[in-house]
Amino acid sequence: MCMYQCVDVAHFMFDCIPLEGTRTALWQNVLDACPSDVLRVEIHSMGNTKRAEFVISCICNSYVTEWDTLYRAICTFVFNMYCTPKSITSS
């Protein structure tokens, strides 16, 4: 168990075992918000480092108005993944 002292962002966002419950629910929201099956499969098939870069860069610095739901889901995912360790360790 890493005790939230994760080596890198990719581990923290996609591999950290104590955060698995939070990650699973929130990441499913991101996948569900994908505007196409092609994008959903592409994101799902990325390695964790590439996926973290993709998410943090806000989908490689692109903006498509019709994808607002996806952007919101990504923001919620990143925010809650960041806040979860604080809420767990402070209780």
N, C-alpha and C. Protein backbone atom coordinates (compact mmCIF):
# COMPACT_ATOMS: atom_id res chain seq x y z
N MET A 1 0.84 -1.18 0.00
CA MET A 1 0.00 0.00 0.00
C MET A 1 0.88 1.24 0.00
N CYS A 2 0.56 2.22 -0.81
CA CYS A 2 1.42 3.39 -0.98
C CYS A 2 1.18 4.46 0.07
N MET A 3 0.10 4.38 0.81
CA MET A 3 -0.24 5.38 1.83
C MET A 3 -0.22 6.79 1.25
N TYR A 4 -0.68 6.92 0.00
CA TYR A 4 -0.88 8.20 -0.68
C TYR A 4 0.42 8.93 -0.98
N GLN A 5 1.54 8.30 -0.82
CA GLN A 5 2.81 8.89 -1.22
C GLN A 5 3.19 8.26 -2.55
N CYS A 6 2.41 8.54 -3.53
CA CYS A 6 2.54 7.92 -4.83
C CYS A 6 3.75 8.46 -5.59
N VAL A 7 4.30 7.61 -6.38
CA VAL A 7 5.50 7.93 -7.13
C VAL A 7 5.21 8.95 -8.23
N ASP A 8 4.11 8.81 -8.91
CA ASP A 8 3.79 9.72 -10.01
C ASP A 8 2.28 9.88 -10.17
N VAL A 9 1.92 10.81 -11.03
CA VAL A 9 0.51 11.13 -11.23
C VAL A 9 -0.26 9.94 -11.80
N ALA A 10 0.34 9.23 -12.73
CA ALA A 10 -0.34 8.08 -13.34
C ALA A 10 -0.68 7.04 -12.27
N HIS A 11 0.25 6.77 -11.36
CA HIS A 11 -0.03 5.82 -10.28
C HIS A 11 -1.16 6.34 -9.40
N PHE A 12 -1.03 7.59 -9.00
CA PHE A 12 -2.03 8.20 -8.12
C PHE A 12 -3.43 8.15 -8.73
N MET A 13 -3.53 8.48 -10.01
CA MET A 13 -4.85 8.55 -10.65
C MET A 13 -5.41 7.19 -11.06
N PHE A 14 -4.53 6.25 -11.43
CA PHE A 14 -5.05 5.02 -12.03
C PHE A 14 -4.59 3.71 -11.40
N ASP A 15 -3.65 3.72 -10.49
CA ASP A 15 -3.15 2.47 -9.92
C ASP A 15 -3.23 2.38 -8.40
N CYS A 16 -3.32 3.50 -7.72
CA CYS A 16 -3.26 3.51 -6.26
C CYS A 16 -4.42 2.69 -5.67
N ILE A 17 -4.08 1.60 -5.01
CA ILE A 17 -5.08 0.66 -4.50
C ILE A 17 -6.04 1.30 -3.48
N PRO A 18 -5.56 2.10 -2.52
CA PRO A 18 -6.51 2.71 -1.57
C PRO A 18 -7.53 3.64 -2.23
N LEU A 19 -7.24 4.13 -3.41
CA LEU A 19 -8.17 5.04 -4.11
C LEU A 19 -9.05 4.33 -5.13
N GLU A 20 -8.98 3.01 -5.15
CA GLU A 20 -9.69 2.24 -6.18
C GLU A 20 -11.20 2.49 -6.18
N GLY A 21 -11.82 2.54 -5.03
CA GLY A 21 -13.27 2.75 -4.98
C GLY A 21 -13.68 4.08 -5.58
N THR A 22 -12.98 5.11 -5.21
CA THR A 22 -13.26 6.44 -5.76
C THR A 22 -13.00 6.46 -7.25
N ARG A 23 -11.85 5.94 -7.64
CA ARG A 23 -11.44 5.94 -9.05
C ARG A 23 -12.45 5.19 -9.92
N THR A 24 -12.88 4.03 -9.50
CA THR A 24 -13.77 3.19 -10.31
C THR A 24 -15.06 3.93 -10.65
N ALA A 25 -15.70 4.50 -9.65
CA ALA A 25 -16.96 5.20 -9.89
C ALA A 25 -16.77 6.43 -10.76
N LEU A 26 -15.77 7.24 -10.43
CA LEU A 26 -15.56 8.48 -11.16
C LEU A 26 -15.05 8.25 -12.58
N TRP A 27 -14.20 7.26 -12.76
CA TRP A 27 -13.67 6.98 -14.10
C TRP A 27 -14.78 6.45 -15.00
N GLN A 28 -15.69 5.68 -14.44
CA GLN A 28 -16.82 5.20 -15.24
C GLN A 28 -17.66 6.37 -15.74
N ASN A 29 -17.80 7.41 -14.93
CA ASN A 29 -18.51 8.61 -15.37
C ASN A 29 -17.80 9.27 -16.56
N VAL A 30 -16.47 9.27 -16.54
CA VAL A 30 -15.71 9.83 -17.66
C VAL A 30 -15.97 9.00 -18.92
N LEU A 31 -15.87 7.70 -18.80
CA LEU A 31 -16.10 6.84 -19.96
C LEU A 31 -17.53 6.98 -20.49
N ASP A 32 -18.49 7.07 -19.57
CA ASP A 32 -19.89 7.22 -19.98
C ASP A 32 -20.13 8.55 -20.69
N ALA A 33 -19.33 9.57 -20.36
CA ALA A 33 -19.50 10.89 -20.95
C ALA A 33 -18.82 11.02 -22.31
N CYS A 34 -18.05 10.02 -22.71
CA CYS A 34 -17.38 10.09 -24.02
C CYS A 34 -18.44 10.20 -25.12
N PRO A 35 -18.24 11.14 -26.04
CA PRO A 35 -19.25 11.38 -27.08
C PRO A 35 -19.30 10.30 -28.16
N SER A 36 -18.31 9.41 -28.17
CA SER A 36 -18.34 8.35 -29.18
C SER A 36 -17.68 7.09 -28.62
N ASP A 37 -18.10 5.97 -29.17
CA ASP A 37 -17.49 4.70 -28.76
C ASP A 37 -16.02 4.65 -29.13
N VAL A 38 -15.66 5.29 -30.24
CA VAL A 38 -14.26 5.29 -30.68
C VAL A 38 -13.38 5.97 -29.64
N LEU A 39 -13.79 7.13 -29.16
CA LEU A 39 -13.02 7.84 -28.14
C LEU A 39 -12.98 7.04 -26.84
N ARG A 40 -14.10 6.45 -26.46
CA ARG A 40 -14.17 5.64 -25.24
C ARG A 40 -13.18 4.48 -25.29
N VAL A 41 -13.14 3.79 -26.41
CA VAL A 41 -12.22 2.66 -26.58
C VAL A 41 -10.77 3.16 -26.58
N GLU A 42 -10.52 4.27 -27.26
CA GLU A 42 -9.17 4.82 -27.31
C GLU A 42 -8.67 5.19 -25.91
N ILE A 43 -9.49 5.89 -25.13
CA ILE A 43 -9.10 6.26 -23.77
C ILE A 43 -8.90 5.03 -22.91
N HIS A 44 -9.81 4.09 -23.02
CA HIS A 44 -9.74 2.86 -22.21
C HIS A 44 -8.49 2.05 -22.53
N SER A 45 -8.05 2.09 -23.78
CA SER A 45 -6.91 1.27 -24.18
C SER A 45 -5.55 1.95 -23.94
N MET A 46 -5.56 3.22 -23.55
CA MET A 46 -4.30 3.92 -23.28
C MET A 46 -3.63 3.32 -22.04
N GLY A 47 -2.32 3.37 -22.02
CA GLY A 47 -1.60 3.04 -20.80
C GLY A 47 -1.86 4.12 -19.76
N ASN A 48 -1.58 3.83 -18.51
CA ASN A 48 -1.89 4.78 -17.44
C ASN A 48 -1.14 6.11 -17.56
N THR A 49 0.10 6.08 -18.00
CA THR A 49 0.85 7.33 -18.16
C THR A 49 0.24 8.18 -19.25
N LYS A 50 -0.04 7.59 -20.39
CA LYS A 50 -0.66 8.31 -21.50
C LYS A 50 -2.05 8.82 -21.11
N ARG A 51 -2.81 7.99 -20.40
CA ARG A 51 -4.15 8.38 -19.97
C ARG A 51 -4.09 9.57 -19.00
N ALA A 52 -3.13 9.55 -18.09
CA ALA A 52 -2.98 10.67 -17.15
C ALA A 52 -2.63 11.95 -17.91
N GLU A 53 -1.72 11.86 -18.86
CA GLU A 53 -1.36 13.02 -19.68
C GLU A 53 -2.57 13.54 -20.45
N PHE A 54 -3.35 12.64 -21.00
CA PHE A 54 -4.53 12.99 -21.78
C PHE A 54 -5.55 13.72 -20.91
N VAL A 55 -5.78 13.21 -19.71
CA VAL A 55 -6.75 13.79 -18.80
C VAL A 55 -6.28 15.15 -18.28
N ILE A 56 -5.03 15.23 -17.84
CA ILE A 56 -4.52 16.46 -17.26
C ILE A 56 -4.37 17.56 -18.32
N SER A 57 -4.09 17.18 -19.54
CA SER A 57 -3.95 18.18 -20.61
C SER A 57 -5.31 18.62 -21.14
N CYS A 58 -6.37 18.16 -20.51
CA CYS A 58 -7.74 18.45 -20.95
C CYS A 58 -7.92 18.01 -22.40
N ILE A 59 -7.70 16.76 -22.60
CA ILE A 59 -7.87 16.11 -23.90
C ILE A 59 -6.94 16.75 -24.94
N CYS A 60 -5.67 16.82 -24.58
CA CYS A 60 -4.62 17.33 -25.48
C CYS A 60 -4.87 18.75 -25.94
N ASN A 61 -5.34 19.57 -25.01
CA ASN A 61 -5.57 21.00 -25.26
C ASN A 61 -6.59 21.29 -26.35
N SER A 62 -7.47 20.37 -26.60
CA SER A 62 -8.51 20.63 -27.60
C SER A 62 -9.80 21.01 -26.86
N TYR A 63 -10.66 21.73 -27.53
CA TYR A 63 -11.95 22.06 -26.94
C TYR A 63 -13.02 21.91 -28.00
N VAL A 64 -13.99 21.09 -27.68
CA VAL A 64 -15.14 20.88 -28.56
C VAL A 64 -16.37 21.13 -27.71
N THR A 65 -17.15 22.11 -28.07
CA THR A 65 -18.30 22.51 -27.27
C THR A 65 -19.22 21.33 -26.96
N GLU A 66 -19.42 20.46 -27.92
CA GLU A 66 -20.33 19.33 -27.73
C GLU A 66 -19.81 18.32 -26.71
N TRP A 67 -18.57 18.45 -26.29
CA TRP A 67 -17.98 17.52 -25.33
C TRP A 67 -18.00 18.07 -23.91
N ASP A 68 -18.78 19.09 -23.63
CA ASP A 68 -18.81 19.71 -22.29
C ASP A 68 -19.05 18.69 -21.18
N THR A 69 -19.92 17.73 -21.42
CA THR A 69 -20.20 16.70 -20.41
C THR A 69 -18.93 15.91 -20.09
N LEU A 70 -18.15 15.62 -21.10
CA LEU A 70 -16.89 14.89 -20.89
C LEU A 70 -15.90 15.75 -20.11
N TYR A 71 -15.77 17.02 -20.46
CA TYR A 71 -14.86 17.90 -19.73
C TYR A 71 -15.25 17.99 -18.25
N ARG A 72 -16.56 18.11 -18.00
CA ARG A 72 -17.02 18.17 -16.60
C ARG A 72 -16.71 16.87 -15.86
N ALA A 73 -16.91 15.74 -16.51
CA ALA A 73 -16.62 14.45 -15.88
C ALA A 73 -15.13 14.32 -15.57
N ILE A 74 -14.27 14.80 -16.47
CA ILE A 74 -12.83 14.76 -16.23
C ILE A 74 -12.46 15.67 -15.07
N CYS A 75 -13.01 16.87 -15.03
CA CYS A 75 -12.74 17.80 -13.91
C CYS A 75 -13.17 17.19 -12.58
N THR A 76 -14.33 16.58 -12.56
CA THR A 76 -14.83 15.94 -11.34
C THR A 76 -13.91 14.80 -10.92
N PHE A 77 -13.47 14.01 -11.90
CA PHE A 77 -12.56 12.91 -11.62
C PHE A 77 -11.26 13.42 -10.99
N VAL A 78 -10.62 14.38 -11.63
CA VAL A 78 -9.34 14.90 -11.14
C VAL A 78 -9.51 15.54 -9.77
N PHE A 79 -10.53 16.35 -9.60
CA PHE A 79 -10.76 17.03 -8.32
C PHE A 79 -10.97 16.02 -7.19
N ASN A 80 -11.84 15.06 -7.41
CA ASN A 80 -12.13 14.09 -6.36
C ASN A 80 -10.98 13.14 -6.09
N MET A 81 -10.22 12.79 -7.11
CA MET A 81 -9.05 11.96 -6.87
C MET A 81 -8.04 12.71 -6.00
N TYR A 82 -7.95 14.00 -6.20
CA TYR A 82 -7.03 14.82 -5.40
C TYR A 82 -7.54 14.97 -3.97
N CYS A 83 -8.85 15.16 -3.80
CA CYS A 83 -9.42 15.40 -2.46
C CYS A 83 -9.61 14.14 -1.63
N THR A 84 -9.79 13.00 -2.25
CA THR A 84 -10.06 11.76 -1.51
C THR A 84 -8.99 11.41 -0.48
N PRO A 85 -7.70 11.44 -0.80
CA PRO A 85 -6.71 11.11 0.21
C PRO A 85 -6.78 12.03 1.43
N LYS A 86 -7.06 13.30 1.21
CA LYS A 86 -7.18 14.24 2.31
C LYS A 86 -8.34 13.89 3.22
N SER A 87 -9.48 13.51 2.61
CA SER A 87 -10.66 13.18 3.41
C SER A 87 -10.45 11.87 4.16
N ILE A 88 -9.72 10.94 3.58
CA ILE A 88 -9.47 9.65 4.24
C ILE A 88 -8.49 9.83 5.40
N THR A 89 -7.43 10.58 5.18
CA THR A 89 -6.41 10.71 6.22
C THR A 89 -6.82 11.66 7.33
N SER A 90 -7.80 12.53 7.09
CA SER A 90 -8.21 13.46 8.13
C SER A 90 -9.33 12.90 9.00
N SER A 91 -9.86 11.74 8.66
CA SER A 91 -10.95 11.17 9.48
C SER A 91 -10.43 10.22 10.53
